[in-house]
Amino acid sequence: MLDKERIYGYAKAYLESITTLLKDKSEEAEGDRRIGDENLLRSARYQYEDDLRELEVLMEGKKYE
């Protein structure tokens, strides 16, 4: 049976991996001067980073601000 901590752990690992991937891809797009791609990737990365911060707060049992 999955408990809350295990589910949060899976979600955190997923968000961290996607954030890293998007960071790498946006830096790659920046080097290729594909501004539209870079901006989309960066926006997606920021959303995942926000989700990760919110998840970390939930895991700590604090209210998200």
PDB file of N, CA and C in Angstrom:
ATOM      1  N   MET A   1       0.841  -1.185   0.000  1.00  0.00           N
ATOM      2  CA  MET A   1       0.000   0.000   0.000  1.00  0.00           C
ATOM      3  C   MET A   1       0.885   1.247   0.000  1.00  0.00           C
ATOM      4  N   LEU A   2       0.520   2.204  -0.832  1.00  0.00           N
ATOM      5  CA  LEU A   2       1.270   3.454  -0.889  1.00  0.00           C
ATOM      6  C   LEU A   2       0.821   4.388   0.224  1.00  0.00           C
ATOM      7  N   ASP A   3       1.792   4.896   0.961  1.00  0.00           N
ATOM      8  CA  ASP A   3       1.444   5.890   1.964  1.00  0.00           C
ATOM      9  C   ASP A   3       1.781   7.276   1.420  1.00  0.00           C
ATOM     10  N   LYS A   4       1.370   8.280   2.146  1.00  0.00           N
ATOM     11  CA  LYS A   4       1.541   9.657   1.693  1.00  0.00           C
ATOM     12  C   LYS A   4       3.005  10.000   1.453  1.00  0.00           C
ATOM     13  N   GLU A   5       3.893   9.588   2.323  1.00  0.00           N
ATOM     14  CA  GLU A   5       5.317   9.907   2.175  1.00  0.00           C
ATOM     15  C   GLU A   5       5.901   9.280   0.906  1.00  0.00           C
ATOM     16  N   ARG A   6       5.499   8.081   0.610  1.00  0.00           N
ATOM     17  CA  ARG A   6       6.006   7.397  -0.583  1.00  0.00           C
ATOM     18  C   ARG A   6       5.494   8.074  -1.857  1.00  0.00           C
ATOM     19  N   ILE A   7       4.230   8.443  -1.868  1.00  0.00           N
ATOM     20  CA  ILE A   7       3.655   9.152  -3.014  1.00  0.00           C
ATOM     21  C   ILE A   7       4.354  10.491  -3.196  1.00  0.00           C
ATOM     22  N   TYR A   8       4.551  11.226  -2.119  1.00  0.00           N
ATOM     23  CA  TYR A   8       5.263  12.499  -2.198  1.00  0.00           C
ATOM     24  C   TYR A   8       6.684  12.284  -2.713  1.00  0.00           C
ATOM     25  N   GLY A   9       7.319  11.219  -2.290  1.00  0.00           N
ATOM     26  CA  GLY A   9       8.673  10.916  -2.758  1.00  0.00           C
ATOM     27  C   GLY A   9       8.713  10.685  -4.261  1.00  0.00           C
ATOM     28  N   TYR A  10       7.744   9.928  -4.765  1.00  0.00           N
ATOM     29  CA  TYR A  10       7.657   9.698  -6.213  1.00  0.00           C
ATOM     30  C   TYR A  10       7.413  11.014  -6.956  1.00  0.00           C
ATOM     31  N   ALA A  11       6.497  11.812  -6.448  1.00  0.00           N
ATOM     32  CA  ALA A  11       6.176  13.085  -7.093  1.00  0.00           C
ATOM     33  C   ALA A  11       7.378  14.018  -7.080  1.00  0.00           C
ATOM     34  N   LYS A  12       8.090  14.053  -5.962  1.00  0.00           N
ATOM     35  CA  LYS A  12       9.265  14.910  -5.857  1.00  0.00           C
ATOM     36  C   LYS A  12      10.348  14.472  -6.842  1.00  0.00           C
ATOM     37  N   ALA A  13      10.604  13.193  -6.926  1.00  0.00           N
ATOM     38  CA  ALA A  13      11.613  12.682  -7.863  1.00  0.00           C
ATOM     39  C   ALA A  13      11.228  13.007  -9.300  1.00  0.00           C
ATOM     40  N   TYR A  14       9.959  12.867  -9.621  1.00  0.00           N
ATOM     41  CA  TYR A  14       9.483  13.193 -10.970  1.00  0.00           C
ATOM     42  C   TYR A  14       9.685  14.667 -11.278  1.00  0.00           C
ATOM     43  N   LEU A  15       9.261  15.529 -10.365  1.00  0.00           N
ATOM     44  CA  LEU A  15       9.388  16.972 -10.595  1.00  0.00           C
ATOM     45  C   LEU A  15      10.848  17.397 -10.700  1.00  0.00           C
ATOM     46  N   GLU A  16      11.699  16.811  -9.887  1.00  0.00           N
ATOM     47  CA  GLU A  16      13.125  17.139  -9.958  1.00  0.00           C
ATOM     48  C   GLU A  16      13.717  16.710 -11.301  1.00  0.00           C
ATOM     49  N   SER A  17      13.351  15.534 -11.776  1.00  0.00           N
ATOM     50  CA  SER A  17      13.920  15.060 -13.040  1.00  0.00           C
ATOM     51  C   SER A  17      13.421  15.900 -14.217  1.00  0.00           C
ATOM     52  N   ILE A  18      12.144  16.242 -14.228  1.00  0.00           N
ATOM     53  CA  ILE A  18      11.602  17.069 -15.308  1.00  0.00           C
ATOM     54  C   ILE A  18      12.221  18.457 -15.278  1.00  0.00           C
ATOM     55  N   THR A  19      12.388  19.023 -14.088  1.00  0.00           N
ATOM     56  CA  THR A  19      12.999  20.345 -13.959  1.00  0.00           C
ATOM     57  C   THR A  19      14.418  20.338 -14.510  1.00  0.00           C
ATOM     58  N   THR A  20      15.191  19.316 -14.189  1.00  0.00           N
ATOM     59  CA  THR A  20      16.557  19.205 -14.689  1.00  0.00           C
ATOM     60  C   THR A  20      16.568  19.062 -16.208  1.00  0.00           C
ATOM     61  N   LEU A  21      15.698  18.219 -16.721  1.00  0.00           N
ATOM     62  CA  LEU A  21      15.609  18.016 -18.162  1.00  0.00           C
ATOM     63  C   LEU A  21      15.256  19.325 -18.879  1.00  0.00           C
ATOM     64  N   LEU A  22      14.253  20.031 -18.368  1.00  0.00           N
ATOM     65  CA  LEU A  22      13.847  21.288 -18.995  1.00  0.00           C
ATOM     66  C   LEU A  22      14.938  22.345 -18.916  1.00  0.00           C
ATOM     67  N   LYS A  23      15.675  22.361 -17.812  1.00  0.00           N
ATOM     68  CA  LYS A  23      16.782  23.309 -17.683  1.00  0.00           C
ATOM     69  C   LYS A  23      17.837  23.026 -18.755  1.00  0.00           C
ATOM     70  N   ASP A  24      18.191  21.767 -18.910  1.00  0.00           N
ATOM     71  CA  ASP A  24      19.176  21.383 -19.928  1.00  0.00           C
ATOM     72  C   ASP A  24      18.689  21.740 -21.330  1.00  0.00           C
ATOM     73  N   LYS A  25      17.430  21.444 -21.621  1.00  0.00           N
ATOM     74  CA  LYS A  25      16.880  21.717 -22.944  1.00  0.00           C
ATOM     75  C   LYS A  25      16.796  23.214 -23.224  1.00  0.00           C
ATOM     76  N   SER A  26      16.443  24.023 -22.220  1.00  0.00           N
ATOM     77  CA  SER A  26      16.362  25.470 -22.447  1.00  0.00           C
ATOM     78  C   SER A  26      17.744  26.064 -22.664  1.00  0.00           C
ATOM     79  N   GLU A  27      18.746  25.541 -21.960  1.00  0.00           N
ATOM     80  CA  GLU A  27      20.118  26.011 -22.183  1.00  0.00           C
ATOM     81  C   GLU A  27      20.602  25.612 -23.569  1.00  0.00           C
ATOM     82  N   GLU A  28      20.222  24.422 -24.009  1.00  0.00           N
ATOM     83  CA  GLU A  28      20.579  23.960 -25.350  1.00  0.00           C
ATOM     84  C   GLU A  28      19.921  24.844 -26.408  1.00  0.00           C
ATOM     85  N   ALA A  29      18.652  25.175 -26.223  1.00  0.00           N
ATOM     86  CA  ALA A  29      17.929  26.028 -27.164  1.00  0.00           C
ATOM     87  C   ALA A  29      18.521  27.432 -27.179  1.00  0.00           C
ATOM     88  N   GLU A  30      18.986  27.898 -26.025  1.00  0.00           N
ATOM     89  CA  GLU A  30      19.607  29.217 -25.947  1.00  0.00           C
ATOM     90  C   GLU A  30      20.857  29.256 -26.822  1.00  0.00           C
ATOM     91  N   GLY A  31      21.644  28.208 -26.784  1.00  0.00           N
ATOM     92  CA  GLY A  31      22.859  28.139 -27.589  1.00  0.00           C
ATOM     93  C   GLY A  31      22.568  28.085 -29.081  1.00  0.00           C
ATOM     94  N   ASP A  32      21.393  27.556 -29.446  1.00  0.00           N
ATOM     95  CA  ASP A  32      21.010  27.459 -30.850  1.00  0.00           C
ATOM     96  C   ASP A  32      20.230  28.677 -31.329  1.00  0.00           C
ATOM     97  N   ARG A  33      20.021  29.605 -30.436  1.00  0.00           N
ATOM     98  CA  ARG A  33      19.272  30.836 -30.741  1.00  0.00           C
ATOM     99  C   ARG A  33      17.820  30.568 -31.155  1.00  0.00           C
ATOM    100  N   ARG A  34      17.262  29.521 -30.602  1.00  0.00           N
ATOM    101  CA  ARG A  34      15.840  29.252 -30.843  1.00  0.00           C
ATOM    102  C   ARG A  34      15.056  29.880 -29.697  1.00  0.00           C
ATOM    103  N   ILE A  35      14.832  31.174 -29.812  1.00  0.00           N
ATOM    104  CA  ILE A  35      14.262  31.955 -28.716  1.00  0.00           C
ATOM    105  C   ILE A  35      12.883  31.436 -28.308  1.00  0.00           C
ATOM    106  N   GLY A  36      12.026  31.113 -29.250  1.00  0.00           N
ATOM    107  CA  GLY A  36      10.692  30.629 -28.910  1.00  0.00           C
ATOM    108  C   GLY A  36      10.756  29.337 -28.107  1.00  0.00           C
ATOM    109  N   ASP A  37      11.589  28.406 -28.562  1.00  0.00           N
ATOM    110  CA  ASP A  37      11.750  27.147 -27.837  1.00  0.00           C
ATOM    111  C   ASP A  37      12.306  27.396 -26.442  1.00  0.00           C
ATOM    112  N   GLU A  38      13.298  28.248 -26.366  1.00  0.00           N
ATOM    113  CA  GLU A  38      13.927  28.542 -25.076  1.00  0.00           C
ATOM    114  C   GLU A  38      12.904  29.104 -24.092  1.00  0.00           C
ATOM    115  N   ASN A  39      12.084  30.043 -24.552  1.00  0.00           N
ATOM    116  CA  ASN A  39      11.094  30.658 -23.668  1.00  0.00           C
ATOM    117  C   ASN A  39      10.032  29.663 -23.215  1.00  0.00           C
ATOM    118  N   LEU A  40       9.577  28.807 -24.130  1.00  0.00           N
ATOM    119  CA  LEU A  40       8.587  27.796 -23.751  1.00  0.00           C
ATOM    120  C   LEU A  40       9.161  26.807 -22.746  1.00  0.00           C
ATOM    121  N   LEU A  41      10.381  26.352 -22.992  1.00  0.00           N
ATOM    122  CA  LEU A  41      11.017  25.406 -22.080  1.00  0.00           C
ATOM    123  C   LEU A  41      11.259  26.042 -20.716  1.00  0.00           C
ATOM    124  N   ARG A  42      11.691  27.282 -20.722  1.00  0.00           N
ATOM    125  CA  ARG A  42      11.939  27.975 -19.461  1.00  0.00           C
ATOM    126  C   ARG A  42      10.641  28.166 -18.676  1.00  0.00           C
ATOM    127  N   SER A  43       9.565  28.534 -19.362  1.00  0.00           N
ATOM    128  CA  SER A  43       8.263  28.704 -18.693  1.00  0.00           C
ATOM    129  C   SER A  43       7.794  27.392 -18.072  1.00  0.00           C
ATOM    130  N   ALA A  44       7.930  26.309 -18.823  1.00  0.00           N
ATOM    131  CA  ALA A  44       7.540  25.003 -18.297  1.00  0.00           C
ATOM    132  C   ALA A  44       8.394  24.641 -17.096  1.00  0.00           C
ATOM    133  N   ARG A  45       9.698  24.908 -17.179  1.00  0.00           N
ATOM    134  CA  ARG A  45      10.595  24.606 -16.062  1.00  0.00           C
ATOM    135  C   ARG A  45      10.189  25.389 -14.810  1.00  0.00           C
ATOM    136  N   TYR A  46       9.876  26.670 -14.983  1.00  0.00           N
ATOM    137  CA  TYR A  46       9.471  27.477 -13.831  1.00  0.00           C
ATOM    138  C   TYR A  46       8.200  26.935 -13.192  1.00  0.00           C
ATOM    139  N   GLN A  47       7.260  26.454 -14.017  1.00  0.00           N
ATOM    140  CA  GLN A  47       6.030  25.882 -13.462  1.00  0.00           C
ATOM    141  C   GLN A  47       6.339  24.619 -12.656  1.00  0.00           C
ATOM    142  N   TYR A  48       7.202  23.760 -13.192  1.00  0.00           N
ATOM    143  CA  TYR A  48       7.574  22.552 -12.455  1.00  0.00           C
ATOM    144  C   TYR A  48       8.334  22.894 -11.179  1.00  0.00           C
ATOM    145  N   GLU A  49       9.177  23.913 -11.219  1.00  0.00           N
ATOM    146  CA  GLU A  49       9.889  24.338 -10.006  1.00  0.00           C
ATOM    147  C   GLU A  49       8.910  24.837  -8.954  1.00  0.00           C
ATOM    148  N   ASP A  50       7.895  25.598  -9.389  1.00  0.00           N
ATOM    149  CA  ASP A  50       6.856  26.052  -8.464  1.00  0.00           C
ATOM    150  C   ASP A  50       6.111  24.867  -7.855  1.00  0.00           C
ATOM    151  N   ASP A  51       5.768  23.891  -8.700  1.00  0.00           N
ATOM    152  CA  ASP A  51       5.079  22.690  -8.204  1.00  0.00           C
ATOM    153  C   ASP A  51       5.953  21.934  -7.205  1.00  0.00           C
ATOM    154  N   LEU A  52       7.242  21.867  -7.483  1.00  0.00           N
ATOM    155  CA  LEU A  52       8.170  21.180  -6.582  1.00  0.00           C
ATOM    156  C   LEU A  52       8.243  21.891  -5.233  1.00  0.00           C
ATOM    157  N   ARG A  53       8.322  23.212  -5.245  1.00  0.00           N
ATOM    158  CA  ARG A  53       8.346  23.967  -3.983  1.00  0.00           C
ATOM    159  C   ARG A  53       7.060  23.748  -3.193  1.00  0.00           C
ATOM    160  N   GLU A  54       5.930  23.749  -3.894  1.00  0.00           N
ATOM    161  CA  GLU A  54       4.656  23.524  -3.217  1.00  0.00           C
ATOM    162  C   GLU A  54       4.606  22.122  -2.608  1.00  0.00           C
ATOM    163  N   LEU A  55       5.086  21.139  -3.335  1.00  0.00           N
ATOM    164  CA  LEU A  55       5.120  19.773  -2.832  1.00  0.00           C
ATOM    165  C   LEU A  55       6.021  19.668  -1.602  1.00  0.00           C
ATOM    166  N   GLU A  56       7.181  20.315  -1.652  1.00  0.00           N
ATOM    167  CA  GLU A  56       8.092  20.271  -0.505  1.00  0.00           C
ATOM    168  C   GLU A  56       7.448  20.881   0.733  1.00  0.00           C
ATOM    169  N   VAL A  57       6.696  21.956   0.543  1.00  0.00           N
ATOM    170  CA  VAL A  57       5.997  22.576   1.667  1.00  0.00           C
ATOM    171  C   VAL A  57       4.944  21.611   2.217  1.00  0.00           C
ATOM    172  N   LEU A  58       4.205  20.959   1.327  1.00  0.00           N
ATOM    173  CA  LEU A  58       3.202  19.982   1.773  1.00  0.00           C
ATOM    174  C   LEU A  58       3.855  18.839   2.546  1.00  0.00           C
ATOM    175  N   MET A  59       5.020  18.406   2.062  1.00  0.00           N
ATOM    176  CA  MET A  59       5.718  17.303   2.725  1.00  0.00           C
ATOM    177  C   MET A  59       6.169  17.715   4.125  1.00  0.00           C
ATOM    178  N   GLU A  60       6.466  18.977   4.282  1.00  0.00           N
ATOM    179  CA  GLU A  60       6.901  19.474   5.599  1.00  0.00           C
ATOM    180  C   GLU A  60       5.707  19.781   6.495  1.00  0.00           C
ATOM    181  N   GLY A  61       4.495  19.712   5.944  1.00  0.00           N
ATOM    182  CA  GLY A  61       3.303  19.964   6.723  1.00  0.00           C
ATOM    183  C   GLY A  61       3.013  21.430   6.954  1.00  0.00           C
ATOM    184  N   LYS A  62       3.572  22.284   6.098  1.00  0.00           N
ATOM    185  CA  LYS A  62       3.366  23.720   6.234  1.00  0.00           C
ATOM    186  C   LYS A  62       2.359  24.186   5.194  1.00  0.00           C
ATOM    187  N   LYS A  63       1.754  25.309   5.451  1.00  0.00           N
ATOM    188  CA  LYS A  63       0.805  25.883   4.516  1.00  0.00           C
ATOM    189  C   LYS A  63       1.568  26.592   3.397  1.00  0.00           C
ATOM    190  N   TYR A  64       1.183  26.327   2.128  1.00  0.00           N
ATOM    191  CA  TYR A  64       1.832  26.959   0.977  1.00  0.00           C
ATOM    192  C   TYR A  64       1.393  28.400   0.862  1.00  0.00           C
ATOM    193  N   GLU A  65       2.365  29.260   0.678  1.00  0.00           N
ATOM    194  CA  GLU A  65       2.044  30.694   0.571  1.00  0.00           C
ATOM    195  C   GLU A  65       2.078  31.116  -0.868  1.00  0.00           C
TER     196      GLU A  65
END
